[in-house]
Amino acid sequence: MAWRELTESYSDLPESRMLEKGVTSLWSVRDVIAHATWWEEEALKHLPAIAEGVRPPRYSAVYGGIDAFNALMTECRSRLSLAEVLRYSAETHERLIRYLEDVPEALVATETPFRRRLRLDTCGHYPKHAKAIREWRERGDAGWEGGVPH
């Protein structure tokens, strides 16, 4: 449901609006989608080890913190087109869903490190960005009608 709310927050926007900065600080909707995607990638990268009882390295030790990691990934993904970001997002989300279909129920049935990490990187993360997009739209949609500024 949280994923659907995120995708619905931008699904009817024209490409030009999805590239406008200002959703969160300097990010556009395209940037927010890329951000959600790289956190799903992080889930796919770390959840298998967490399932085996291995604690992943801290972002502070590897990148200098989560903000530094986000800044690095923002720079890396800034060269991708909207179409590339949307395609990669759909592919990554599908990979995550397929992975989770095979996860033992015990890892998600109760509060475990696996479930906590999954929530942080996905369903607990999406609502923040869906809300930011909706609020950004409310601020800017008053000047748009049918995808055309007026």
N, C-alpha and C. Protein backbone atom coordinates (compact mmCIF):
# COMPACT_ATOMS: atom_id res chain seq x y z
N MET A 1 0.81 -1.19 0.00
CA MET A 1 0.00 0.00 0.00
C MET A 1 0.86 1.27 0.00
N ALA A 2 1.93 1.31 0.79
CA ALA A 2 2.80 2.48 0.84
C ALA A 2 3.47 2.72 -0.51
N TRP A 3 3.86 1.62 -1.19
CA TRP A 3 4.46 1.75 -2.52
C TRP A 3 3.45 2.34 -3.49
N ARG A 4 2.24 1.84 -3.45
CA ARG A 4 1.19 2.35 -4.34
C ARG A 4 0.95 3.84 -4.09
N GLU A 5 0.90 4.24 -2.83
CA GLU A 5 0.71 5.65 -2.51
C GLU A 5 1.85 6.52 -3.06
N LEU A 6 3.06 6.01 -2.98
CA LEU A 6 4.19 6.74 -3.54
C LEU A 6 4.03 6.88 -5.04
N THR A 7 3.79 5.79 -5.74
CA THR A 7 3.69 5.86 -7.20
C THR A 7 2.48 6.69 -7.64
N GLU A 8 1.39 6.61 -6.89
CA GLU A 8 0.21 7.41 -7.23
C GLU A 8 0.45 8.90 -7.01
N SER A 9 1.37 9.25 -6.14
CA SER A 9 1.63 10.66 -5.87
C SER A 9 2.19 11.39 -7.08
N TYR A 10 2.74 10.65 -8.04
CA TYR A 10 3.32 11.28 -9.22
C TYR A 10 2.83 10.70 -10.55
N SER A 11 2.01 9.67 -10.52
CA SER A 11 1.69 8.93 -11.74
C SER A 11 1.06 9.76 -12.85
N ASP A 12 0.33 10.80 -12.53
CA ASP A 12 -0.33 11.58 -13.57
C ASP A 12 0.42 12.86 -13.94
N LEU A 13 1.63 13.03 -13.43
CA LEU A 13 2.40 14.23 -13.74
C LEU A 13 3.03 14.14 -15.12
N PRO A 14 3.04 15.24 -15.87
CA PRO A 14 3.79 15.25 -17.12
C PRO A 14 5.29 15.25 -16.84
N GLU A 15 6.06 14.82 -17.79
CA GLU A 15 7.51 14.73 -17.62
C GLU A 15 8.11 16.05 -17.16
N SER A 16 7.66 17.15 -17.71
CA SER A 16 8.24 18.44 -17.33
C SER A 16 8.09 18.72 -15.84
N ARG A 17 6.96 18.35 -15.26
CA ARG A 17 6.75 18.56 -13.83
C ARG A 17 7.63 17.62 -13.01
N MET A 18 7.84 16.41 -13.50
CA MET A 18 8.63 15.43 -12.76
C MET A 18 10.10 15.82 -12.69
N LEU A 19 10.49 16.75 -13.54
CA LEU A 19 11.89 17.20 -13.56
C LEU A 19 12.09 18.53 -12.84
N GLU A 20 11.01 19.15 -12.37
CA GLU A 20 11.11 20.41 -11.64
C GLU A 20 11.73 20.18 -10.26
N LYS A 21 12.66 21.01 -9.90
CA LYS A 21 13.28 20.94 -8.57
C LYS A 21 12.31 21.51 -7.54
N GLY A 22 12.51 21.15 -6.29
CA GLY A 22 11.76 21.76 -5.22
C GLY A 22 10.85 20.84 -4.43
N VAL A 23 10.80 19.56 -4.79
CA VAL A 23 9.97 18.63 -4.01
C VAL A 23 10.52 18.54 -2.59
N THR A 24 11.78 18.21 -2.47
CA THR A 24 12.48 18.24 -1.19
C THR A 24 13.81 18.94 -1.45
N SER A 25 13.97 20.11 -0.93
CA SER A 25 15.17 20.91 -1.14
C SER A 25 15.40 21.07 -2.64
N LEU A 26 16.46 20.48 -3.15
CA LEU A 26 16.77 20.63 -4.57
C LEU A 26 16.31 19.45 -5.42
N TRP A 27 15.58 18.51 -4.85
CA TRP A 27 15.17 17.31 -5.58
C TRP A 27 13.89 17.52 -6.35
N SER A 28 13.85 16.87 -7.50
CA SER A 28 12.64 16.78 -8.32
C SER A 28 11.95 15.45 -8.00
N VAL A 29 10.79 15.23 -8.59
CA VAL A 29 10.12 13.94 -8.44
C VAL A 29 11.04 12.84 -8.97
N ARG A 30 11.70 13.10 -10.09
CA ARG A 30 12.65 12.13 -10.65
C ARG A 30 13.70 11.75 -9.61
N ASP A 31 14.21 12.75 -8.91
CA ASP A 31 15.23 12.50 -7.89
C ASP A 31 14.68 11.70 -6.71
N VAL A 32 13.44 11.99 -6.32
CA VAL A 32 12.81 11.25 -5.23
C VAL A 32 12.64 9.78 -5.61
N ILE A 33 12.22 9.54 -6.86
CA ILE A 33 12.06 8.16 -7.33
C ILE A 33 13.41 7.45 -7.33
N ALA A 34 14.44 8.13 -7.81
CA ALA A 34 15.79 7.54 -7.80
C ALA A 34 16.22 7.23 -6.37
N HIS A 35 15.92 8.12 -5.45
CA HIS A 35 16.27 7.94 -4.04
C HIS A 35 15.57 6.71 -3.46
N ALA A 36 14.28 6.59 -3.68
CA ALA A 36 13.54 5.42 -3.17
C ALA A 36 14.12 4.13 -3.77
N THR A 37 14.53 4.22 -5.02
CA THR A 37 15.09 3.05 -5.71
C THR A 37 16.43 2.64 -5.11
N TRP A 38 17.31 3.60 -4.84
CA TRP A 38 18.60 3.17 -4.29
C TRP A 38 18.46 2.62 -2.89
N TRP A 39 17.43 3.03 -2.16
CA TRP A 39 17.22 2.41 -0.85
C TRP A 39 16.64 1.01 -0.99
N GLU A 40 15.84 0.77 -2.02
CA GLU A 40 15.41 -0.61 -2.28
C GLU A 40 16.62 -1.46 -2.66
N GLU A 41 17.54 -0.89 -3.43
CA GLU A 41 18.77 -1.60 -3.77
C GLU A 41 19.58 -1.94 -2.52
N GLU A 42 19.63 -1.00 -1.59
CA GLU A 42 20.33 -1.25 -0.33
C GLU A 42 19.66 -2.39 0.43
N ALA A 43 18.34 -2.43 0.41
CA ALA A 43 17.63 -3.54 1.05
C ALA A 43 18.03 -4.86 0.40
N LEU A 44 18.01 -4.89 -0.92
CA LEU A 44 18.38 -6.12 -1.64
C LEU A 44 19.83 -6.51 -1.37
N LYS A 45 20.67 -5.53 -1.18
CA LYS A 45 22.09 -5.78 -0.92
C LYS A 45 22.31 -6.35 0.48
N HIS A 46 21.60 -5.80 1.48
CA HIS A 46 21.90 -6.14 2.86
C HIS A 46 20.96 -7.16 3.50
N LEU A 47 19.74 -7.29 3.04
CA LEU A 47 18.79 -8.20 3.69
C LEU A 47 19.26 -9.66 3.69
N PRO A 48 19.85 -10.17 2.61
CA PRO A 48 20.31 -11.57 2.68
C PRO A 48 21.31 -11.81 3.81
N ALA A 49 22.23 -10.88 4.01
CA ALA A 49 23.21 -11.03 5.09
C ALA A 49 22.53 -10.91 6.45
N ILE A 50 21.61 -9.96 6.57
CA ILE A 50 20.89 -9.79 7.83
C ILE A 50 20.10 -11.05 8.15
N ALA A 51 19.53 -11.68 7.13
CA ALA A 51 18.79 -12.93 7.33
C ALA A 51 19.70 -14.02 7.90
N GLU A 52 20.98 -13.94 7.60
CA GLU A 52 21.96 -14.91 8.10
C GLU A 52 22.57 -14.48 9.43
N GLY A 53 22.10 -13.37 9.98
CA GLY A 53 22.60 -12.91 11.27
C GLY A 53 23.81 -11.98 11.19
N VAL A 54 24.18 -11.57 10.00
CA VAL A 54 25.32 -10.69 9.81
C VAL A 54 24.85 -9.23 9.85
N ARG A 55 25.53 -8.43 10.62
CA ARG A 55 25.19 -7.01 10.70
C ARG A 55 25.94 -6.25 9.60
N PRO A 56 25.22 -5.50 8.77
CA PRO A 56 25.91 -4.76 7.70
C PRO A 56 26.74 -3.61 8.28
N PRO A 57 27.72 -3.15 7.52
CA PRO A 57 28.53 -2.03 8.01
C PRO A 57 27.67 -0.77 8.18
N ARG A 58 28.06 0.06 9.11
CA ARG A 58 27.33 1.31 9.35
C ARG A 58 27.66 2.32 8.26
N TYR A 59 26.67 3.09 7.89
CA TYR A 59 26.88 4.11 6.84
C TYR A 59 27.88 5.16 7.29
N SER A 60 27.96 5.40 8.60
CA SER A 60 28.93 6.37 9.10
C SER A 60 30.36 5.88 8.86
N ALA A 61 30.58 4.58 8.98
CA ALA A 61 31.91 4.03 8.79
C ALA A 61 32.30 3.96 7.32
N VAL A 62 31.33 3.68 6.45
CA VAL A 62 31.63 3.48 5.03
C VAL A 62 31.56 4.79 4.25
N TYR A 63 30.56 5.60 4.52
CA TYR A 63 30.30 6.80 3.70
C TYR A 63 30.42 8.11 4.46
N GLY A 64 30.56 8.05 5.77
CA GLY A 64 30.53 9.27 6.55
C GLY A 64 29.13 9.63 7.01
N GLY A 65 28.20 8.69 6.89
CA GLY A 65 26.82 8.90 7.34
C GLY A 65 25.82 8.72 6.21
N ILE A 66 24.56 8.65 6.60
CA ILE A 66 23.49 8.45 5.62
C ILE A 66 23.36 9.65 4.71
N ASP A 67 23.50 10.86 5.25
CA ASP A 67 23.40 12.05 4.41
C ASP A 67 24.50 12.06 3.34
N ALA A 68 25.70 11.63 3.71
CA ALA A 68 26.79 11.56 2.74
C ALA A 68 26.50 10.49 1.69
N PHE A 69 25.94 9.36 2.12
CA PHE A 69 25.56 8.32 1.17
C PHE A 69 24.50 8.85 0.20
N ASN A 70 23.47 9.52 0.74
CA ASN A 70 22.44 10.08 -0.13
C ASN A 70 23.02 11.09 -1.11
N ALA A 71 23.94 11.92 -0.66
CA ALA A 71 24.57 12.91 -1.54
C ALA A 71 25.36 12.22 -2.65
N LEU A 72 26.10 11.19 -2.30
CA LEU A 72 26.86 10.43 -3.29
C LEU A 72 25.94 9.80 -4.32
N MET A 73 24.88 9.17 -3.85
CA MET A 73 23.95 8.51 -4.77
C MET A 73 23.19 9.53 -5.62
N THR A 74 22.86 10.67 -5.04
CA THR A 74 22.20 11.72 -5.81
C THR A 74 23.09 12.12 -6.98
N GLU A 75 24.36 12.31 -6.71
CA GLU A 75 25.30 12.68 -7.77
C GLU A 75 25.41 11.57 -8.82
N CYS A 76 25.52 10.33 -8.37
CA CYS A 76 25.65 9.20 -9.30
C CYS A 76 24.42 9.07 -10.20
N ARG A 77 23.25 9.29 -9.65
CA ARG A 77 22.00 9.09 -10.40
C ARG A 77 21.56 10.34 -11.17
N SER A 78 22.24 11.45 -10.97
CA SER A 78 21.82 12.71 -11.61
C SER A 78 21.92 12.64 -13.12
N ARG A 79 22.72 11.76 -13.64
CA ARG A 79 22.90 11.65 -15.09
C ARG A 79 21.84 10.78 -15.77
N LEU A 80 21.01 10.11 -14.98
CA LEU A 80 19.99 9.25 -15.57
C LEU A 80 18.78 10.06 -16.02
N SER A 81 18.23 9.67 -17.15
CA SER A 81 17.01 10.33 -17.64
C SER A 81 15.82 9.88 -16.79
N LEU A 82 14.71 10.59 -16.92
CA LEU A 82 13.50 10.20 -16.21
C LEU A 82 13.08 8.80 -16.63
N ALA A 83 13.13 8.50 -17.92
CA ALA A 83 12.75 7.17 -18.40
C ALA A 83 13.63 6.09 -17.78
N GLU A 84 14.92 6.35 -17.67
CA GLU A 84 15.83 5.38 -17.06
C GLU A 84 15.52 5.20 -15.59
N VAL A 85 15.25 6.29 -14.88
CA VAL A 85 14.92 6.20 -13.45
C VAL A 85 13.63 5.41 -13.25
N LEU A 86 12.61 5.70 -14.06
CA LEU A 86 11.34 4.99 -13.93
C LEU A 86 11.50 3.49 -14.23
N ARG A 87 12.23 3.17 -15.27
CA ARG A 87 12.46 1.76 -15.63
C ARG A 87 13.24 1.05 -14.52
N TYR A 88 14.29 1.69 -14.04
CA TYR A 88 15.11 1.08 -13.00
C TYR A 88 14.32 0.92 -11.71
N SER A 89 13.47 1.89 -11.41
CA SER A 89 12.63 1.80 -10.23
C SER A 89 11.69 0.60 -10.31
N ALA A 90 11.02 0.46 -11.45
CA ALA A 90 10.09 -0.66 -11.62
C ALA A 90 10.82 -2.00 -11.54
N GLU A 91 11.97 -2.09 -12.19
CA GLU A 91 12.75 -3.33 -12.17
C GLU A 91 13.24 -3.67 -10.77
N THR A 92 13.74 -2.67 -10.05
CA THR A 92 14.26 -2.89 -8.70
C THR A 92 13.14 -3.29 -7.76
N HIS A 93 12.01 -2.62 -7.85
CA HIS A 93 10.89 -2.96 -6.98
C HIS A 93 10.41 -4.38 -7.26
N GLU A 94 10.37 -4.77 -8.50
CA GLU A 94 9.96 -6.14 -8.85
C GLU A 94 10.95 -7.16 -8.30
N ARG A 95 12.24 -6.86 -8.38
CA ARG A 95 13.26 -7.76 -7.82
C ARG A 95 13.08 -7.88 -6.31
N LEU A 96 12.79 -6.78 -5.65
CA LEU A 96 12.57 -6.80 -4.20
C LEU A 96 11.36 -7.66 -3.86
N ILE A 97 10.27 -7.49 -4.57
CA ILE A 97 9.06 -8.28 -4.32
C ILE A 97 9.36 -9.76 -4.52
N ARG A 98 10.05 -10.10 -5.60
CA ARG A 98 10.40 -11.52 -5.85
C ARG A 98 11.27 -12.07 -4.73
N TYR A 99 12.23 -11.28 -4.28
CA TYR A 99 13.09 -11.72 -3.18
C TYR A 99 12.26 -11.98 -1.92
N LEU A 100 11.38 -11.07 -1.60
CA LEU A 100 10.59 -11.18 -0.37
C LEU A 100 9.60 -12.34 -0.40
N GLU A 101 9.19 -12.74 -1.58
CA GLU A 101 8.27 -13.88 -1.69
C GLU A 101 8.89 -15.17 -1.18
N ASP A 102 10.22 -15.25 -1.20
CA ASP A 102 10.92 -16.46 -0.78
C ASP A 102 11.53 -16.37 0.62
N VAL A 103 11.31 -15.25 1.29
CA VAL A 103 11.88 -15.06 2.63
C VAL A 103 11.09 -15.87 3.65
N PRO A 104 11.76 -16.57 4.56
CA PRO A 104 11.03 -17.30 5.61
C PRO A 104 10.15 -16.36 6.43
N GLU A 105 8.95 -16.80 6.70
CA GLU A 105 7.96 -16.02 7.43
C GLU A 105 8.50 -15.52 8.77
N ALA A 106 9.33 -16.31 9.41
CA ALA A 106 9.86 -15.94 10.73
C ALA A 106 10.65 -14.62 10.70
N LEU A 107 11.21 -14.28 9.56
CA LEU A 107 11.99 -13.04 9.46
C LEU A 107 11.12 -11.79 9.45
N VAL A 108 9.86 -11.94 9.06
CA VAL A 108 8.98 -10.77 8.97
C VAL A 108 7.78 -10.83 9.90
N ALA A 109 7.54 -11.97 10.54
CA ALA A 109 6.36 -12.14 11.39
C ALA A 109 6.45 -11.35 12.69
N THR A 110 7.66 -11.16 13.17
CA THR A 110 7.86 -10.41 14.41
C THR A 110 8.93 -9.35 14.17
N GLU A 111 9.16 -8.54 15.18
CA GLU A 111 10.17 -7.49 15.04
C GLU A 111 11.57 -8.12 15.09
N THR A 112 12.19 -8.21 13.94
CA THR A 112 13.53 -8.77 13.79
C THR A 112 14.42 -7.72 13.12
N PRO A 113 15.74 -7.88 13.18
CA PRO A 113 16.61 -6.96 12.44
C PRO A 113 16.26 -6.93 10.94
N PHE A 114 15.87 -8.06 10.39
CA PHE A 114 15.49 -8.14 8.98
C PHE A 114 14.27 -7.25 8.72
N ARG A 115 13.25 -7.43 9.53
CA ARG A 115 12.01 -6.66 9.34
C ARG A 115 12.27 -5.16 9.56
N ARG A 116 13.09 -4.84 10.54
CA ARG A 116 13.40 -3.44 10.81
C ARG A 116 14.10 -2.81 9.60
N ARG A 117 15.09 -3.49 9.05
CA ARG A 117 15.82 -2.95 7.90
C ARG A 117 14.89 -2.83 6.69
N LEU A 118 14.07 -3.84 6.49
CA LEU A 118 13.12 -3.79 5.37
C LEU A 118 12.21 -2.58 5.51
N ARG A 119 11.68 -2.35 6.69
CA ARG A 119 10.79 -1.21 6.93
C ARG A 119 11.53 0.11 6.70
N LEU A 120 12.75 0.23 7.21
CA LEU A 120 13.51 1.47 7.06
C LEU A 120 13.78 1.80 5.58
N ASP A 121 14.08 0.78 4.80
CA ASP A 121 14.46 0.99 3.40
C ASP A 121 13.26 1.04 2.45
N THR A 122 12.08 0.61 2.90
CA THR A 122 10.96 0.50 1.97
C THR A 122 9.68 1.12 2.54
N CYS A 123 8.81 0.30 3.07
CA CYS A 123 7.45 0.74 3.44
C CYS A 123 7.43 1.83 4.50
N GLY A 124 8.45 1.93 5.32
CA GLY A 124 8.52 3.02 6.28
C GLY A 124 9.12 4.28 5.68
N HIS A 125 9.72 4.14 4.53
CA HIS A 125 10.42 5.22 3.84
C HIS A 125 9.53 5.89 2.79
N TYR A 126 8.73 5.11 2.10
CA TYR A 126 7.90 5.64 1.01
C TYR A 126 6.93 6.74 1.45
N PRO A 127 6.23 6.60 2.59
CA PRO A 127 5.24 7.62 2.95
C PRO A 127 5.81 9.03 3.08
N LYS A 128 7.01 9.14 3.60
CA LYS A 128 7.66 10.44 3.74
C LYS A 128 7.77 11.13 2.38
N HIS A 129 8.15 10.37 1.37
CA HIS A 129 8.36 10.95 0.05
C HIS A 129 7.05 11.15 -0.70
N ALA A 130 6.09 10.26 -0.49
CA ALA A 130 4.77 10.46 -1.09
C ALA A 130 4.15 11.75 -0.55
N LYS A 131 4.29 11.96 0.75
CA LYS A 131 3.76 13.18 1.38
C LYS A 131 4.46 14.41 0.81
N ALA A 132 5.76 14.36 0.67
CA ALA A 132 6.51 15.50 0.13
C ALA A 132 6.05 15.83 -1.29
N ILE A 133 5.83 14.81 -2.10
CA ILE A 133 5.36 15.04 -3.47
C ILE A 133 3.96 15.63 -3.46
N ARG A 134 3.08 15.08 -2.64
CA ARG A 134 1.71 15.62 -2.57
C ARG A 134 1.72 17.08 -2.11
N GLU A 135 2.52 17.40 -1.11
CA GLU A 135 2.59 18.79 -0.63
C GLU A 135 3.17 19.71 -1.70
N TRP A 136 4.19 19.25 -2.40
CA TRP A 136 4.79 20.02 -3.48
C TRP A 136 3.75 20.28 -4.58
N ARG A 137 2.98 19.25 -4.88
CA ARG A 137 1.93 19.40 -5.89
C ARG A 137 0.88 20.41 -5.44
N GLU A 138 0.50 20.34 -4.17
CA GLU A 138 -0.50 21.29 -3.67
C GLU A 138 -0.01 22.72 -3.79
N ARG A 139 1.28 22.92 -3.57
CA ARG A 139 1.84 24.27 -3.69
C ARG A 139 1.87 24.73 -5.15
N GLY A 140 2.11 23.78 -6.07
CA GLY A 140 2.31 24.16 -7.46
C GLY A 140 1.19 23.85 -8.42
N ASP A 141 0.29 22.95 -8.06
CA ASP A 141 -0.77 22.55 -9.00
C ASP A 141 -1.80 23.63 -9.25
N ALA A 142 -1.85 24.64 -8.40
CA ALA A 142 -2.83 25.71 -8.61
C ALA A 142 -2.56 26.42 -9.94
N GLY A 143 -1.32 26.39 -10.40
CA GLY A 143 -1.00 27.03 -11.67
C GLY A 143 -0.97 26.09 -12.85
N TRP A 144 -1.46 24.86 -12.68
CA TRP A 144 -1.42 23.86 -13.74
C TRP A 144 -2.83 23.32 -13.98
N GLU A 145 -3.15 23.13 -15.22
CA GLU A 145 -4.42 22.51 -15.57
C GLU A 145 -4.19 21.56 -16.72
N GLY A 146 -4.44 20.30 -16.51
CA GLY A 146 -4.26 19.32 -17.57
C GLY A 146 -2.81 19.18 -18.02
N GLY A 147 -1.86 19.43 -17.14
CA GLY A 147 -0.45 19.28 -17.48
C GLY A 147 0.12 20.49 -18.20
N VAL A 148 -0.67 21.56 -18.33
CA VAL A 148 -0.21 22.75 -19.02
C VAL A 148 -0.30 23.93 -18.06
N PRO A 149 0.78 24.71 -17.94
CA PRO A 149 0.71 25.85 -17.01
C PRO A 149 -0.31 26.87 -17.50
N HIS A 150 -0.98 27.51 -16.53
CA HIS A 150 -1.91 28.60 -16.89
C HIS A 150 -1.76 29.75 -15.93
